[in-house]
Amino acid sequence: MALILEQINAKGLAPLSYRVGDDQSRVAAVIDPHRDVHIYLQRARELGIRITHVLETHLPPSQPPLLKLEQKNGR
């Protein structure tokens, strides 16, 4: 297992999020996703990985990105 940690800086409110994954199994988790979830899905396609988990350390007041990322990721 090779741990991958990537900091993702999206412009706007609460811009920092993270991708943590396993390079061998090609799976990853996104921590504190930004509302605009296409950046995570696009990056996953570029790297050939699957997003299998989404972790929120604080919930935004409206339209949680967790739900959007799950819906667009087919979960």
PDB file of N, CA and C in Angstrom:
ATOM      1  N   MET A   1       0.849  -1.181   0.000  1.00  0.00           N
ATOM      2  CA  MET A   1       0.000   0.000   0.000  1.00  0.00           C
ATOM      3  C   MET A   1       0.888   1.236   0.000  1.00  0.00           C
ATOM      4  N   ALA A   2       0.607   2.144  -0.910  1.00  0.00           N
ATOM      5  CA  ALA A   2       1.299   3.424  -0.960  1.00  0.00           C
ATOM      6  C   ALA A   2       0.283   4.529  -0.694  1.00  0.00           C
ATOM      7  N   LEU A   3       0.413   5.177   0.428  1.00  0.00           N
ATOM      8  CA  LEU A   3      -0.514   6.231   0.821  1.00  0.00           C
ATOM      9  C   LEU A   3      -0.307   7.465  -0.043  1.00  0.00           C
ATOM     10  N   ILE A   4      -1.399   8.006  -0.533  1.00  0.00           N
ATOM     11  CA  ILE A   4      -1.376   9.229  -1.319  1.00  0.00           C
ATOM     12  C   ILE A   4      -2.157  10.286  -0.547  1.00  0.00           C
ATOM     13  N   LEU A   5      -1.553  11.451  -0.376  1.00  0.00           N
ATOM     14  CA  LEU A   5      -2.217  12.580   0.272  1.00  0.00           C
ATOM     15  C   LEU A   5      -2.063  13.789  -0.631  1.00  0.00           C
ATOM     16  N   GLU A   6      -3.191  14.373  -1.007  1.00  0.00           N
ATOM     17  CA  GLU A   6      -3.168  15.537  -1.885  1.00  0.00           C
ATOM     18  C   GLU A   6      -4.031  16.630  -1.282  1.00  0.00           C
ATOM     19  N   GLN A   7      -3.466  17.824  -1.152  1.00  0.00           N
ATOM     20  CA  GLN A   7      -4.235  18.982  -0.712  1.00  0.00           C
ATOM     21  C   GLN A   7      -4.834  19.630  -1.952  1.00  0.00           C
ATOM     22  N   ILE A   8      -6.123  19.907  -1.904  1.00  0.00           N
ATOM     23  CA  ILE A   8      -6.818  20.503  -3.039  1.00  0.00           C
ATOM     24  C   ILE A   8      -7.296  21.881  -2.618  1.00  0.00           C
ATOM     25  N   ASN A   9      -6.884  22.882  -3.360  1.00  0.00           N
ATOM     26  CA  ASN A   9      -7.245  24.255  -3.039  1.00  0.00           C
ATOM     27  C   ASN A   9      -8.256  24.759  -4.053  1.00  0.00           C
ATOM     28  N   ALA A  10      -9.503  24.850  -3.640  1.00  0.00           N
ATOM     29  CA  ALA A  10     -10.573  25.362  -4.491  1.00  0.00           C
ATOM     30  C   ALA A  10     -10.871  26.791  -4.042  1.00  0.00           C
ATOM     31  N   LYS A  11     -11.052  27.679  -4.978  1.00  0.00           N
ATOM     32  CA  LYS A  11     -11.322  29.075  -4.615  1.00  0.00           C
ATOM     33  C   LYS A  11     -12.690  29.196  -3.958  1.00  0.00           C
ATOM     34  N   GLY A  12     -12.795  30.133  -3.033  1.00  0.00           N
ATOM     35  CA  GLY A  12     -14.072  30.387  -2.392  1.00  0.00           C
ATOM     36  C   GLY A  12     -14.036  30.096  -0.909  1.00  0.00           C
ATOM     37  N   LEU A  13     -15.207  29.977  -0.351  1.00  0.00           N
ATOM     38  CA  LEU A  13     -15.365  29.730   1.071  1.00  0.00           C
ATOM     39  C   LEU A  13     -14.839  28.351   1.437  1.00  0.00           C
ATOM     40  N   ALA A  14     -14.069  28.257   2.499  1.00  0.00           N
ATOM     41  CA  ALA A  14     -13.484  26.989   2.971  1.00  0.00           C
ATOM     42  C   ALA A  14     -12.813  26.239   1.825  1.00  0.00           C
ATOM     43  N   PRO A  15     -11.746  26.816   1.263  1.00  0.00           N
ATOM     44  CA  PRO A  15     -11.183  26.278   0.028  1.00  0.00           C
ATOM     45  C   PRO A  15     -10.364  25.001   0.153  1.00  0.00           C
ATOM     46  N   LEU A  16      -9.841  24.673   1.332  1.00  0.00           N
ATOM     47  CA  LEU A  16      -8.947  23.520   1.427  1.00  0.00           C
ATOM     48  C   LEU A  16      -9.681  22.225   1.696  1.00  0.00           C
ATOM     49  N   SER A  17      -9.369  21.238   0.897  1.00  0.00           N
ATOM     50  CA  SER A  17      -9.871  19.882   1.112  1.00  0.00           C
ATOM     51  C   SER A  17      -8.721  18.936   0.785  1.00  0.00           C
ATOM     52  N   TYR A  18      -8.941  17.657   1.006  1.00  0.00           N
ATOM     53  CA  TYR A  18      -7.857  16.692   0.858  1.00  0.00           C
ATOM     54  C   TYR A  18      -8.357  15.414   0.208  1.00  0.00           C
ATOM     55  N   ARG A  19      -7.449  14.768  -0.503  1.00  0.00           N
ATOM     56  CA  ARG A  19      -7.716  13.436  -1.042  1.00  0.00           C
ATOM     57  C   ARG A  19      -6.690  12.515  -0.422  1.00  0.00           C
ATOM     58  N   VAL A  20      -7.187  11.462   0.204  1.00  0.00           N
ATOM     59  CA  VAL A  20      -6.319  10.457   0.813  1.00  0.00           C
ATOM     60  C   VAL A  20      -6.667   9.138   0.160  1.00  0.00           C
ATOM     61  N   GLY A  21      -5.647   8.422  -0.302  1.00  0.00           N
ATOM     62  CA  GLY A  21      -5.954   7.185  -0.991  1.00  0.00           C
ATOM     63  C   GLY A  21      -4.819   6.188  -0.983  1.00  0.00           C
ATOM     64  N   ASP A  22      -5.098   5.076  -1.595  1.00  0.00           N
ATOM     65  CA  ASP A  22      -4.139   3.985  -1.736  1.00  0.00           C
ATOM     66  C   ASP A  22      -3.786   3.869  -3.212  1.00  0.00           C
ATOM     67  N   ASP A  23      -2.523   4.060  -3.516  1.00  0.00           N
ATOM     68  CA  ASP A  23      -2.055   4.044  -4.897  1.00  0.00           C
ATOM     69  C   ASP A  23      -2.219   2.677  -5.560  1.00  0.00           C
ATOM     70  N   GLN A  24      -2.108   1.608  -4.800  1.00  0.00           N
ATOM     71  CA  GLN A  24      -2.205   0.267  -5.376  1.00  0.00           C
ATOM     72  C   GLN A  24      -3.641  -0.150  -5.676  1.00  0.00           C
ATOM     73  N   SER A  25      -4.548   0.094  -4.728  1.00  0.00           N
ATOM     74  CA  SER A  25      -5.939  -0.318  -4.955  1.00  0.00           C
ATOM     75  C   SER A  25      -6.734   0.717  -5.743  1.00  0.00           C
ATOM     76  N   ARG A  26      -6.147   1.903  -5.940  1.00  0.00           N
ATOM     77  CA  ARG A  26      -6.751   2.970  -6.747  1.00  0.00           C
ATOM     78  C   ARG A  26      -8.073   3.465  -6.167  1.00  0.00           C
ATOM     79  N   VAL A  27      -8.175   3.535  -4.839  1.00  0.00           N
ATOM     80  CA  VAL A  27      -9.352   4.082  -4.166  1.00  0.00           C
ATOM     81  C   VAL A  27      -8.919   5.263  -3.307  1.00  0.00           C
ATOM     82  N   ALA A  28      -9.877   6.160  -3.046  1.00  0.00           N
ATOM     83  CA  ALA A  28      -9.546   7.355  -2.281  1.00  0.00           C
ATOM     84  C   ALA A  28     -10.757   7.860  -1.512  1.00  0.00           C
ATOM     85  N   ALA A  29     -10.459   8.691  -0.518  1.00  0.00           N
ATOM     86  CA  ALA A  29     -11.473   9.421   0.228  1.00  0.00           C
ATOM     87  C   ALA A  29     -11.218  10.904   0.025  1.00  0.00           C
ATOM     88  N   VAL A  30     -12.284  11.677  -0.010  1.00  0.00           N
ATOM     89  CA  VAL A  30     -12.171  13.130  -0.075  1.00  0.00           C
ATOM     90  C   VAL A  30     -12.596  13.663   1.288  1.00  0.00           C
ATOM     91  N   ILE A  31     -11.764  14.535   1.852  1.00  0.00           N
ATOM     92  CA  ILE A  31     -12.043  15.110   3.167  1.00  0.00           C
ATOM     93  C   ILE A  31     -12.419  16.575   2.989  1.00  0.00           C
ATOM     94  N   ASP A  32     -13.563  16.942   3.548  1.00  0.00           N
ATOM     95  CA  ASP A  32     -14.096  18.306   3.480  1.00  0.00           C
ATOM     96  C   ASP A  32     -14.207  18.844   2.053  1.00  0.00           C
ATOM     97  N   PRO A  33     -14.997  18.173   1.219  1.00  0.00           N
ATOM     98  CA  PRO A  33     -15.126  18.623  -0.174  1.00  0.00           C
ATOM     99  C   PRO A  33     -15.774  19.996  -0.280  1.00  0.00           C
ATOM    100  N   HIS A  34     -15.355  20.720  -1.282  1.00  0.00           N
ATOM    101  CA  HIS A  34     -15.927  22.015  -1.624  1.00  0.00           C
ATOM    102  C   HIS A  34     -17.254  21.779  -2.344  1.00  0.00           C
ATOM    103  N   ARG A  35     -18.107  22.788  -2.404  1.00  0.00           N
ATOM    104  CA  ARG A  35     -19.419  22.627  -3.067  1.00  0.00           C
ATOM    105  C   ARG A  35     -19.315  22.207  -4.524  1.00  0.00           C
ATOM    106  N   ASP A  36     -18.314  22.693  -5.210  1.00  0.00           N
ATOM    107  CA  ASP A  36     -18.146  22.399  -6.628  1.00  0.00           C
ATOM    108  C   ASP A  36     -17.407  21.065  -6.762  1.00  0.00           C
ATOM    109  N   VAL A  37     -18.154  19.972  -6.749  1.00  0.00           N
ATOM    110  CA  VAL A  37     -17.555  18.638  -6.654  1.00  0.00           C
ATOM    111  C   VAL A  37     -16.900  18.155  -7.943  1.00  0.00           C
ATOM    112  N   HIS A  38     -17.102  18.863  -9.050  1.00  0.00           N
ATOM    113  CA  HIS A  38     -16.511  18.388 -10.309  1.00  0.00           C
ATOM    114  C   HIS A  38     -14.989  18.334 -10.230  1.00  0.00           C
ATOM    115  N   ILE A  39     -14.365  19.165  -9.393  1.00  0.00           N
ATOM    116  CA  ILE A  39     -12.903  19.145  -9.297  1.00  0.00           C
ATOM    117  C   ILE A  39     -12.392  17.806  -8.767  1.00  0.00           C
ATOM    118  N   TYR A  40     -13.145  17.182  -7.875  1.00  0.00           N
ATOM    119  CA  TYR A  40     -12.732  15.881  -7.324  1.00  0.00           C
ATOM    120  C   TYR A  40     -12.979  14.762  -8.323  1.00  0.00           C
ATOM    121  N   LEU A  41     -14.104  14.839  -9.008  1.00  0.00           N
ATOM    122  CA  LEU A  41     -14.427  13.816  -9.995  1.00  0.00           C
ATOM    123  C   LEU A  41     -13.475  13.875 -11.185  1.00  0.00           C
ATOM    124  N   GLN A  42     -13.144  15.072 -11.615  1.00  0.00           N
ATOM    125  CA  GLN A  42     -12.202  15.239 -12.725  1.00  0.00           C
ATOM    126  C   GLN A  42     -10.818  14.709 -12.331  1.00  0.00           C
ATOM    127  N   ARG A  43     -10.371  15.046 -11.131  1.00  0.00           N
ATOM    128  CA  ARG A  43      -9.059  14.586 -10.673  1.00  0.00           C
ATOM    129  C   ARG A  43      -9.040  13.060 -10.554  1.00  0.00           C
ATOM    130  N   ALA A  44     -10.127  12.474 -10.082  1.00  0.00           N
ATOM    131  CA  ALA A  44     -10.211  11.010  -9.961  1.00  0.00           C
ATOM    132  C   ALA A  44     -10.107  10.358 -11.341  1.00  0.00           C
ATOM    133  N   ARG A  45     -10.789  10.931 -12.328  1.00  0.00           N
ATOM    134  CA  ARG A  45     -10.696  10.400 -13.699  1.00  0.00           C
ATOM    135  C   ARG A  45      -9.270  10.506 -14.231  1.00  0.00           C
ATOM    136  N   GLU A  46      -8.628  11.653 -13.991  1.00  0.00           N
ATOM    137  CA  GLU A  46      -7.255  11.853 -14.462  1.00  0.00           C
ATOM    138  C   GLU A  46      -6.306  10.812 -13.876  1.00  0.00           C
ATOM    139  N   LEU A  47      -6.509  10.462 -12.607  1.00  0.00           N
ATOM    140  CA  LEU A  47      -5.612   9.545 -11.913  1.00  0.00           C
ATOM    141  C   LEU A  47      -6.050   8.086 -12.001  1.00  0.00           C
ATOM    142  N   GLY A  48      -7.253   7.853 -12.543  1.00  0.00           N
ATOM    143  CA  GLY A  48      -7.757   6.492 -12.651  1.00  0.00           C
ATOM    144  C   GLY A  48      -8.094   5.878 -11.295  1.00  0.00           C
ATOM    145  N   ILE A  49      -8.668   6.698 -10.414  1.00  0.00           N
ATOM    146  CA  ILE A  49      -9.044   6.200  -9.081  1.00  0.00           C
ATOM    147  C   ILE A  49     -10.546   6.319  -8.880  1.00  0.00           C
ATOM    148  N   ARG A  50     -11.035   5.607  -7.875  1.00  0.00           N
ATOM    149  CA  ARG A  50     -12.447   5.685  -7.482  1.00  0.00           C
ATOM    150  C   ARG A  50     -12.537   6.380  -6.131  1.00  0.00           C
ATOM    151  N   ILE A  51     -13.470   7.299  -5.995  1.00  0.00           N
ATOM    152  CA  ILE A  51     -13.746   7.918  -4.702  1.00  0.00           C
ATOM    153  C   ILE A  51     -14.741   7.019  -3.996  1.00  0.00           C
ATOM    154  N   THR A  52     -14.310   6.417  -2.901  1.00  0.00           N
ATOM    155  CA  THR A  52     -15.169   5.471  -2.195  1.00  0.00           C
ATOM    156  C   THR A  52     -15.707   6.014  -0.874  1.00  0.00           C
ATOM    157  N   HIS A  53     -15.096   7.098  -0.383  1.00  0.00           N
ATOM    158  CA  HIS A  53     -15.529   7.677   0.886  1.00  0.00           C
ATOM    159  C   HIS A  53     -15.447   9.201   0.822  1.00  0.00           C
ATOM    160  N   VAL A  54     -16.358   9.849   1.529  1.00  0.00           N
ATOM    161  CA  VAL A  54     -16.345  11.296   1.681  1.00  0.00           C
ATOM    162  C   VAL A  54     -16.470  11.582   3.169  1.00  0.00           C
ATOM    163  N   LEU A  55     -15.536  12.348   3.696  1.00  0.00           N
ATOM    164  CA  LEU A  55     -15.514  12.660   5.125  1.00  0.00           C
ATOM    165  C   LEU A  55     -15.699  14.154   5.323  1.00  0.00           C
ATOM    166  N   GLU A  56     -16.609  14.519   6.195  1.00  0.00           N
ATOM    167  CA  GLU A  56     -16.865  15.919   6.517  1.00  0.00           C
ATOM    168  C   GLU A  56     -16.455  16.155   7.962  1.00  0.00           C
ATOM    169  N   THR A  57     -15.544  17.105   8.188  1.00  0.00           N
ATOM    170  CA  THR A  57     -15.175  17.432   9.560  1.00  0.00           C
ATOM    171  C   THR A  57     -16.035  18.564  10.097  1.00  0.00           C
ATOM    172  N   HIS A  58     -16.736  19.250   9.219  1.00  0.00           N
ATOM    173  CA  HIS A  58     -17.703  20.276   9.602  1.00  0.00           C
ATOM    174  C   HIS A  58     -18.711  20.402   8.464  1.00  0.00           C
ATOM    175  N   LEU A  59     -19.967  20.450   8.806  1.00  0.00           N
ATOM    176  CA  LEU A  59     -21.006  20.514   7.783  1.00  0.00           C
ATOM    177  C   LEU A  59     -21.335  21.958   7.438  1.00  0.00           C
ATOM    178  N   PRO A  60     -21.418  22.275   6.147  1.00  0.00           N
ATOM    179  CA  PRO A  60     -21.816  23.622   5.738  1.00  0.00           C
ATOM    180  C   PRO A  60     -23.308  23.836   6.025  1.00  0.00           C
ATOM    181  N   PRO A  61     -23.738  25.075   6.123  1.00  0.00           N
ATOM    182  CA  PRO A  61     -25.127  25.354   6.476  1.00  0.00           C
ATOM    183  C   PRO A  61     -26.156  24.938   5.435  1.00  0.00           C
ATOM    184  N   SER A  62     -25.770  24.886   4.159  1.00  0.00           N
ATOM    185  CA  SER A  62     -26.757  24.519   3.139  1.00  0.00           C
ATOM    186  C   SER A  62     -26.112  23.675   2.049  1.00  0.00           C
ATOM    187  N   GLN A  63     -26.878  22.754   1.512  1.00  0.00           N
ATOM    188  CA  GLN A  63     -26.481  21.873   0.403  1.00  0.00           C
ATOM    189  C   GLN A  63     -25.098  21.243   0.605  1.00  0.00           C
ATOM    190  N   PRO A  64     -25.015  20.286   1.506  1.00  0.00           N
ATOM    191  CA  PRO A  64     -23.720  19.657   1.781  1.00  0.00           C
ATOM    192  C   PRO A  64     -23.090  19.034   0.526  1.00  0.00           C
ATOM    193  N   PRO A  65     -21.806  19.286   0.287  1.00  0.00           N
ATOM    194  CA  PRO A  65     -21.115  18.697  -0.856  1.00  0.00           C
ATOM    195  C   PRO A  65     -21.111  17.180  -0.808  1.00  0.00           C
ATOM    196  N   LEU A  66     -21.187  16.626   0.390  1.00  0.00           N
ATOM    197  CA  LEU A  66     -21.224  15.177   0.542  1.00  0.00           C
ATOM    198  C   LEU A  66     -22.317  14.569  -0.319  1.00  0.00           C
ATOM    199  N   LEU A  67     -23.517  15.121  -0.254  1.00  0.00           N
ATOM    200  CA  LEU A  67     -24.637  14.580  -1.026  1.00  0.00           C
ATOM    201  C   LEU A  67     -24.407  14.736  -2.519  1.00  0.00           C
ATOM    202  N   LYS A  68     -23.900  15.897  -2.937  1.00  0.00           N
ATOM    203  CA  LYS A  68     -23.641  16.121  -4.363  1.00  0.00           C
ATOM    204  C   LYS A  68     -22.575  15.167  -4.884  1.00  0.00           C
ATOM    205  N   LEU A  69     -21.519  14.965  -4.103  1.00  0.00           N
ATOM    206  CA  LEU A  69     -20.444  14.080  -4.540  1.00  0.00           C
ATOM    207  C   LEU A  69     -20.930  12.640  -4.614  1.00  0.00           C
ATOM    208  N   GLU A  70     -21.744  12.220  -3.648  1.00  0.00           N
ATOM    209  CA  GLU A  70     -22.297  10.869  -3.690  1.00  0.00           C
ATOM    210  C   GLU A  70     -23.197  10.676  -4.901  1.00  0.00           C
ATOM    211  N   GLN A  71     -24.051  11.645  -5.183  1.00  0.00           N
ATOM    212  CA  GLN A  71     -24.970  11.537  -6.315  1.00  0.00           C
ATOM    213  C   GLN A  71     -24.228  11.486  -7.639  1.00  0.00           C
ATOM    214  N   LYS A  72     -23.228  12.333  -7.808  1.00  0.00           N
ATOM    215  CA  LYS A  72     -22.498  12.378  -9.075  1.00  0.00           C
ATOM    216  C   LYS A  72     -21.517  11.226  -9.215  1.00  0.00           C
ATOM    217  N   ASN A  73     -21.164  10.590  -8.104  1.00  0.00           N
ATOM    218  CA  ASN A  73     -20.219   9.476  -8.115  1.00  0.00           C
ATOM    219  C   ASN A  73     -20.965   8.138  -8.207  1.00  0.00           C
ATOM    220  N   GLY A  74     -22.297   8.193  -8.296  1.00  0.00           N
ATOM    221  CA  GLY A  74     -23.088   6.978  -8.476  1.00  0.00           C
ATOM    222  C   GLY A  74     -23.302   6.182  -7.210  1.00  0.00           C
ATOM    223  N   ARG A  75     -23.309   6.832  -6.067  1.00  0.00           N
ATOM    224  CA  ARG A  75     -23.532   6.127  -4.790  1.00  0.00           C
ATOM    225  C   ARG A  75     -24.910   6.412  -4.295  1.00  0.00           C
TER     226      ARG A  75
END
